[in-house]
Amino acid sequence: IIILVLLIVAGGAFYVINRMYCFDDIQVTDPADHDTDSDPVIGLIGLEQAKKDALVEYGFDESDVQILKEEFNVDKKKYSIEYIATDSTDSKQYQYDCEINAVDGSVLYKDKQVVSE
């Protein structure tokens, strides 16, 4: 009985440590699988918050843009968001690319390229 209790306690501790540090049981490949504003289990912002952060970076909201790509990289804990929108200052269409830190929502990378003149 003592051995059984020790095995159960050790198994539970391994699960908790694995869940907290390794993230092996979280395999997010589709952004739709990670679509909350935050994930309290692993302490990351969700896809919706990452999109808001990427759009706000250039002064847009979701109704102003056409989303091209939403991707979550589990290993690097970052979101890649690409979208097309028309810049109100010059009326040109641009493709915007932002990488958002999934831990704190900060912008890691941003780029803007003309799509049409």
N, C-alpha and C. Protein backbone atom coordinates (compact mmCIF):
# COMPACT_ATOMS: atom_id res chain seq x y z
N ILE A 1 0.83 -1.19 0.00
CA ILE A 1 0.00 0.00 0.00
C ILE A 1 0.88 1.25 0.00
N ILE A 2 1.94 1.26 0.76
CA ILE A 2 2.84 2.42 0.81
C ILE A 2 3.45 2.68 -0.56
N ILE A 3 3.84 1.62 -1.25
CA ILE A 3 4.43 1.78 -2.59
C ILE A 3 3.40 2.37 -3.54
N LEU A 4 2.16 1.92 -3.47
CA LEU A 4 1.11 2.43 -4.32
C LEU A 4 0.88 3.92 -4.08
N VAL A 5 0.86 4.32 -2.82
CA VAL A 5 0.67 5.74 -2.46
C VAL A 5 1.84 6.56 -3.00
N LEU A 6 3.06 6.08 -2.86
CA LEU A 6 4.23 6.79 -3.37
C LEU A 6 4.18 6.94 -4.89
N LEU A 7 3.76 5.90 -5.58
CA LEU A 7 3.64 5.98 -7.04
C LEU A 7 2.60 7.01 -7.46
N ILE A 8 1.48 7.06 -6.78
CA ILE A 8 0.43 8.03 -7.10
C ILE A 8 0.92 9.45 -6.85
N VAL A 9 1.57 9.69 -5.71
CA VAL A 9 2.09 11.02 -5.38
C VAL A 9 3.16 11.43 -6.39
N ALA A 10 4.07 10.53 -6.72
CA ALA A 10 5.14 10.83 -7.67
C ALA A 10 4.56 11.12 -9.05
N GLY A 11 3.56 10.34 -9.47
CA GLY A 11 2.92 10.57 -10.77
C GLY A 11 2.24 11.93 -10.82
N GLY A 12 1.57 12.32 -9.77
CA GLY A 12 0.91 13.63 -9.71
C GLY A 12 1.91 14.76 -9.75
N ALA A 13 3.01 14.61 -9.02
CA ALA A 13 4.05 15.65 -9.02
C ALA A 13 4.67 15.78 -10.40
N PHE A 14 4.92 14.65 -11.07
CA PHE A 14 5.49 14.70 -12.42
C PHE A 14 4.54 15.43 -13.37
N TYR A 15 3.23 15.14 -13.26
CA TYR A 15 2.25 15.81 -14.13
C TYR A 15 2.27 17.31 -13.90
N VAL A 16 2.29 17.75 -12.65
CA VAL A 16 2.29 19.18 -12.34
C VAL A 16 3.55 19.84 -12.87
N ILE A 17 4.70 19.23 -12.65
CA ILE A 17 5.97 19.80 -13.14
C ILE A 17 5.97 19.84 -14.66
N ASN A 18 5.53 18.78 -15.30
CA ASN A 18 5.47 18.75 -16.76
C ASN A 18 4.53 19.84 -17.28
N ARG A 19 3.40 20.01 -16.65
CA ARG A 19 2.42 21.01 -17.07
C ARG A 19 2.97 22.43 -16.90
N MET A 20 3.74 22.66 -15.83
CA MET A 20 4.23 24.01 -15.54
C MET A 20 5.43 24.40 -16.39
N TYR A 21 6.31 23.47 -16.68
CA TYR A 21 7.59 23.84 -17.27
C TYR A 21 7.83 23.31 -18.68
N CYS A 22 7.30 22.16 -19.02
CA CYS A 22 7.65 21.55 -20.30
C CYS A 22 6.65 21.86 -21.41
N PHE A 23 5.40 22.05 -21.09
CA PHE A 23 4.36 22.31 -22.06
C PHE A 23 4.23 21.18 -23.08
N ASP A 24 4.71 19.98 -22.75
CA ASP A 24 4.66 18.88 -23.70
C ASP A 24 3.23 18.48 -24.05
N ASP A 25 2.31 18.67 -23.14
CA ASP A 25 0.94 18.24 -23.40
C ASP A 25 0.14 19.31 -24.13
N ILE A 26 0.73 20.44 -24.47
CA ILE A 26 0.03 21.51 -25.17
C ILE A 26 0.61 21.61 -26.57
N GLN A 27 -0.09 21.14 -27.54
CA GLN A 27 0.37 21.17 -28.92
C GLN A 27 -0.59 22.03 -29.73
N VAL A 28 -0.37 23.32 -29.76
CA VAL A 28 -1.25 24.24 -30.47
C VAL A 28 -0.70 24.45 -31.86
N THR A 29 -1.44 24.02 -32.85
CA THR A 29 -1.01 24.25 -34.24
C THR A 29 -2.02 25.12 -34.96
N ASP A 30 -3.25 25.10 -34.51
CA ASP A 30 -4.31 25.89 -35.12
C ASP A 30 -4.68 27.02 -34.16
N PRO A 31 -4.60 28.28 -34.60
CA PRO A 31 -4.94 29.39 -33.69
C PRO A 31 -6.34 29.27 -33.11
N ALA A 32 -7.24 28.61 -33.81
CA ALA A 32 -8.60 28.46 -33.29
C ALA A 32 -8.61 27.63 -32.00
N ASP A 33 -7.58 26.81 -31.80
CA ASP A 33 -7.48 26.02 -30.58
C ASP A 33 -7.04 26.86 -29.40
N HIS A 34 -6.59 28.07 -29.64
CA HIS A 34 -6.03 28.93 -28.59
C HIS A 34 -6.63 30.33 -28.74
N ASP A 35 -7.97 30.40 -28.63
CA ASP A 35 -8.63 31.64 -29.01
C ASP A 35 -9.19 32.45 -27.86
N THR A 36 -8.70 32.26 -26.68
CA THR A 36 -9.19 33.06 -25.56
C THR A 36 -8.33 34.31 -25.40
N ASP A 37 -8.82 35.27 -24.64
CA ASP A 37 -8.04 36.48 -24.39
C ASP A 37 -6.84 36.20 -23.50
N SER A 38 -6.92 35.18 -22.69
CA SER A 38 -5.77 34.77 -21.89
C SER A 38 -5.92 33.30 -21.55
N ASP A 39 -4.81 32.68 -21.23
CA ASP A 39 -4.80 31.27 -20.85
C ASP A 39 -4.22 31.17 -19.46
N PRO A 40 -5.07 31.11 -18.43
CA PRO A 40 -4.57 31.12 -17.06
C PRO A 40 -3.75 29.90 -16.71
N VAL A 41 -3.91 28.79 -17.44
CA VAL A 41 -3.17 27.58 -17.12
C VAL A 41 -1.69 27.76 -17.38
N ILE A 42 -1.34 28.37 -18.51
CA ILE A 42 0.07 28.52 -18.84
C ILE A 42 0.51 29.98 -18.84
N GLY A 43 -0.37 30.91 -18.53
CA GLY A 43 -0.01 32.30 -18.36
C GLY A 43 0.30 33.05 -19.64
N LEU A 44 -0.30 32.66 -20.75
CA LEU A 44 -0.06 33.34 -22.02
C LEU A 44 -1.30 34.10 -22.45
N ILE A 45 -1.08 35.17 -23.23
CA ILE A 45 -2.24 35.86 -23.81
C ILE A 45 -2.82 34.95 -24.89
N GLY A 46 -4.06 35.15 -25.22
CA GLY A 46 -4.70 34.34 -26.24
C GLY A 46 -4.61 34.98 -27.62
N LEU A 47 -5.11 34.28 -28.61
CA LEU A 47 -5.07 34.74 -29.99
C LEU A 47 -5.80 36.07 -30.16
N GLU A 48 -6.97 36.21 -29.57
CA GLU A 48 -7.74 37.45 -29.74
C GLU A 48 -6.97 38.66 -29.22
N GLN A 49 -6.33 38.52 -28.08
CA GLN A 49 -5.54 39.64 -27.54
C GLN A 49 -4.33 39.91 -28.43
N ALA A 50 -3.69 38.87 -28.94
CA ALA A 50 -2.54 39.05 -29.84
C ALA A 50 -2.96 39.79 -31.11
N LYS A 51 -4.14 39.44 -31.66
CA LYS A 51 -4.64 40.16 -32.85
C LYS A 51 -4.88 41.62 -32.54
N LYS A 52 -5.51 41.89 -31.40
CA LYS A 52 -5.76 43.28 -31.01
C LYS A 52 -4.45 44.06 -30.91
N ASP A 53 -3.45 43.45 -30.28
CA ASP A 53 -2.16 44.12 -30.13
C ASP A 53 -1.51 44.39 -31.49
N ALA A 54 -1.60 43.43 -32.42
CA ALA A 54 -1.01 43.60 -33.75
C ALA A 54 -1.74 44.69 -34.54
N LEU A 55 -3.05 44.75 -34.42
CA LEU A 55 -3.83 45.75 -35.17
C LEU A 55 -3.64 47.14 -34.58
N VAL A 56 -3.63 47.24 -33.27
CA VAL A 56 -3.45 48.54 -32.61
C VAL A 56 -2.07 49.12 -32.93
N GLU A 57 -1.10 48.28 -33.16
CA GLU A 57 0.26 48.74 -33.46
C GLU A 57 0.27 49.68 -34.67
N TYR A 58 -0.64 49.45 -35.62
CA TYR A 58 -0.74 50.31 -36.80
C TYR A 58 -2.04 51.13 -36.83
N GLY A 59 -2.79 51.10 -35.75
CA GLY A 59 -3.98 51.94 -35.65
C GLY A 59 -5.24 51.38 -36.30
N PHE A 60 -5.36 50.07 -36.38
CA PHE A 60 -6.54 49.45 -36.99
C PHE A 60 -7.34 48.69 -35.95
N ASP A 61 -8.61 48.40 -36.32
CA ASP A 61 -9.36 47.41 -35.57
C ASP A 61 -9.76 46.32 -36.56
N GLU A 62 -10.33 45.25 -36.06
CA GLU A 62 -10.55 44.07 -36.89
C GLU A 62 -11.46 44.32 -38.10
N SER A 63 -12.36 45.26 -38.01
CA SER A 63 -13.27 45.54 -39.14
C SER A 63 -12.56 46.25 -40.29
N ASP A 64 -11.34 46.79 -40.05
CA ASP A 64 -10.59 47.52 -41.07
C ASP A 64 -9.66 46.63 -41.90
N VAL A 65 -9.49 45.39 -41.52
CA VAL A 65 -8.43 44.57 -42.12
C VAL A 65 -8.95 43.25 -42.66
N GLN A 66 -8.11 42.65 -43.51
CA GLN A 66 -8.33 41.28 -43.96
C GLN A 66 -7.18 40.45 -43.38
N ILE A 67 -7.50 39.56 -42.47
CA ILE A 67 -6.48 38.73 -41.82
C ILE A 67 -6.00 37.67 -42.82
N LEU A 68 -4.69 37.58 -42.98
CA LEU A 68 -4.09 36.59 -43.86
C LEU A 68 -3.55 35.38 -43.10
N LYS A 69 -2.97 35.63 -41.94
CA LYS A 69 -2.34 34.54 -41.19
C LYS A 69 -2.44 34.82 -39.70
N GLU A 70 -2.77 33.78 -38.96
CA GLU A 70 -2.75 33.80 -37.50
C GLU A 70 -2.05 32.52 -37.09
N GLU A 71 -0.90 32.65 -36.46
CA GLU A 71 -0.13 31.46 -36.14
C GLU A 71 0.45 31.59 -34.74
N PHE A 72 0.42 30.49 -33.99
CA PHE A 72 1.01 30.47 -32.66
C PHE A 72 2.17 29.50 -32.66
N ASN A 73 3.35 29.97 -32.28
CA ASN A 73 4.54 29.14 -32.18
C ASN A 73 4.72 28.76 -30.72
N VAL A 74 4.48 27.49 -30.41
CA VAL A 74 4.54 27.02 -29.03
C VAL A 74 5.94 27.16 -28.46
N ASP A 75 6.95 26.76 -29.24
CA ASP A 75 8.33 26.77 -28.75
C ASP A 75 8.83 28.18 -28.43
N LYS A 76 8.50 29.14 -29.29
CA LYS A 76 8.97 30.52 -29.09
C LYS A 76 7.98 31.38 -28.33
N LYS A 77 6.82 30.83 -28.04
CA LYS A 77 5.76 31.53 -27.30
C LYS A 77 5.47 32.89 -27.94
N LYS A 78 5.16 32.84 -29.25
CA LYS A 78 4.83 34.07 -29.95
C LYS A 78 3.76 33.80 -31.00
N TYR A 79 3.02 34.84 -31.31
CA TYR A 79 2.02 34.81 -32.36
C TYR A 79 2.56 35.56 -33.57
N SER A 80 2.25 35.07 -34.76
CA SER A 80 2.53 35.78 -36.00
C SER A 80 1.18 36.14 -36.59
N ILE A 81 0.97 37.42 -36.81
CA ILE A 81 -0.28 37.91 -37.37
C ILE A 81 0.05 38.70 -38.64
N GLU A 82 -0.56 38.32 -39.76
CA GLU A 82 -0.40 39.07 -41.01
C GLU A 82 -1.77 39.50 -41.49
N TYR A 83 -1.84 40.73 -41.98
CA TYR A 83 -3.11 41.24 -42.48
C TYR A 83 -2.87 42.30 -43.54
N ILE A 84 -3.93 42.56 -44.32
CA ILE A 84 -3.91 43.60 -45.35
C ILE A 84 -4.90 44.67 -44.94
N ALA A 85 -4.49 45.93 -45.13
CA ALA A 85 -5.37 47.06 -44.82
C ALA A 85 -4.95 48.26 -45.65
N THR A 86 -5.86 49.19 -45.79
CA THR A 86 -5.58 50.43 -46.52
C THR A 86 -5.17 51.50 -45.53
N ASP A 87 -4.03 52.11 -45.80
CA ASP A 87 -3.52 53.19 -44.97
C ASP A 87 -4.30 54.46 -45.29
N SER A 88 -4.89 55.08 -44.30
CA SER A 88 -5.72 56.27 -44.53
C SER A 88 -4.90 57.50 -44.92
N THR A 89 -3.61 57.49 -44.65
CA THR A 89 -2.79 58.66 -44.98
C THR A 89 -2.44 58.75 -46.46
N ASP A 90 -2.29 57.60 -47.13
CA ASP A 90 -1.93 57.63 -48.55
C ASP A 90 -2.84 56.78 -49.43
N SER A 91 -3.87 56.16 -48.86
CA SER A 91 -4.85 55.34 -49.57
C SER A 91 -4.24 54.13 -50.29
N LYS A 92 -3.07 53.71 -49.89
CA LYS A 92 -2.44 52.52 -50.47
C LYS A 92 -2.74 51.32 -49.59
N GLN A 93 -2.80 50.15 -50.25
CA GLN A 93 -2.97 48.92 -49.50
C GLN A 93 -1.61 48.38 -49.10
N TYR A 94 -1.53 47.95 -47.84
CA TYR A 94 -0.28 47.41 -47.31
C TYR A 94 -0.53 46.04 -46.69
N GLN A 95 0.51 45.23 -46.72
CA GLN A 95 0.49 44.00 -45.95
C GLN A 95 1.29 44.26 -44.69
N TYR A 96 0.69 43.99 -43.55
CA TYR A 96 1.30 44.21 -42.25
C TYR A 96 1.64 42.86 -41.65
N ASP A 97 2.79 42.78 -41.03
CA ASP A 97 3.25 41.55 -40.39
C ASP A 97 3.72 41.91 -38.98
N CYS A 98 3.14 41.28 -37.99
CA CYS A 98 3.53 41.53 -36.60
C CYS A 98 3.76 40.21 -35.89
N GLU A 99 4.77 40.19 -35.04
CA GLU A 99 4.99 39.07 -34.13
C GLU A 99 4.77 39.60 -32.72
N ILE A 100 3.91 38.90 -31.99
CA ILE A 100 3.50 39.33 -30.66
C ILE A 100 3.97 38.31 -29.63
N ASN A 101 4.61 38.81 -28.58
CA ASN A 101 5.06 37.97 -27.48
C ASN A 101 3.83 37.43 -26.74
N ALA A 102 3.70 36.11 -26.66
CA ALA A 102 2.53 35.50 -26.04
C ALA A 102 2.55 35.60 -24.52
N VAL A 103 3.68 35.97 -23.94
CA VAL A 103 3.77 36.09 -22.49
C VAL A 103 3.24 37.44 -22.03
N ASP A 104 3.66 38.53 -22.69
CA ASP A 104 3.28 39.86 -22.21
C ASP A 104 2.57 40.74 -23.24
N GLY A 105 2.39 40.27 -24.47
CA GLY A 105 1.67 41.04 -25.48
C GLY A 105 2.51 42.10 -26.18
N SER A 106 3.80 42.15 -25.91
CA SER A 106 4.64 43.16 -26.56
C SER A 106 4.90 42.78 -28.02
N VAL A 107 5.17 43.80 -28.83
CA VAL A 107 5.46 43.59 -30.24
C VAL A 107 6.95 43.25 -30.38
N LEU A 108 7.22 42.07 -30.92
CA LEU A 108 8.59 41.61 -31.11
C LEU A 108 9.15 42.04 -32.46
N TYR A 109 8.27 42.12 -33.45
CA TYR A 109 8.68 42.43 -34.82
C TYR A 109 7.48 43.01 -35.54
N LYS A 110 7.75 43.98 -36.43
CA LYS A 110 6.66 44.49 -37.27
C LYS A 110 7.25 44.92 -38.61
N ASP A 111 6.43 44.77 -39.66
CA ASP A 111 6.84 45.12 -41.00
C ASP A 111 5.61 45.55 -41.78
N LYS A 112 5.83 46.44 -42.73
CA LYS A 112 4.74 46.98 -43.55
C LYS A 112 5.25 47.09 -44.97
N GLN A 113 4.55 46.45 -45.93
CA GLN A 113 4.97 46.49 -47.33
C GLN A 113 3.77 46.83 -48.21
N VAL A 114 4.03 47.63 -49.24
CA VAL A 114 2.97 48.03 -50.18
C VAL A 114 2.51 46.80 -50.97
N VAL A 115 1.18 46.64 -51.05
CA VAL A 115 0.59 45.56 -51.85
C VAL A 115 0.18 46.10 -53.20
N SER A 116 -0.45 47.28 -53.21
CA SER A 116 -0.89 47.90 -54.48
C SER A 116 -0.71 49.40 -54.39
N GLU A 117 -0.49 50.01 -55.51
CA GLU A 117 -0.30 51.47 -55.58
C GLU A 117 -1.62 52.16 -55.83
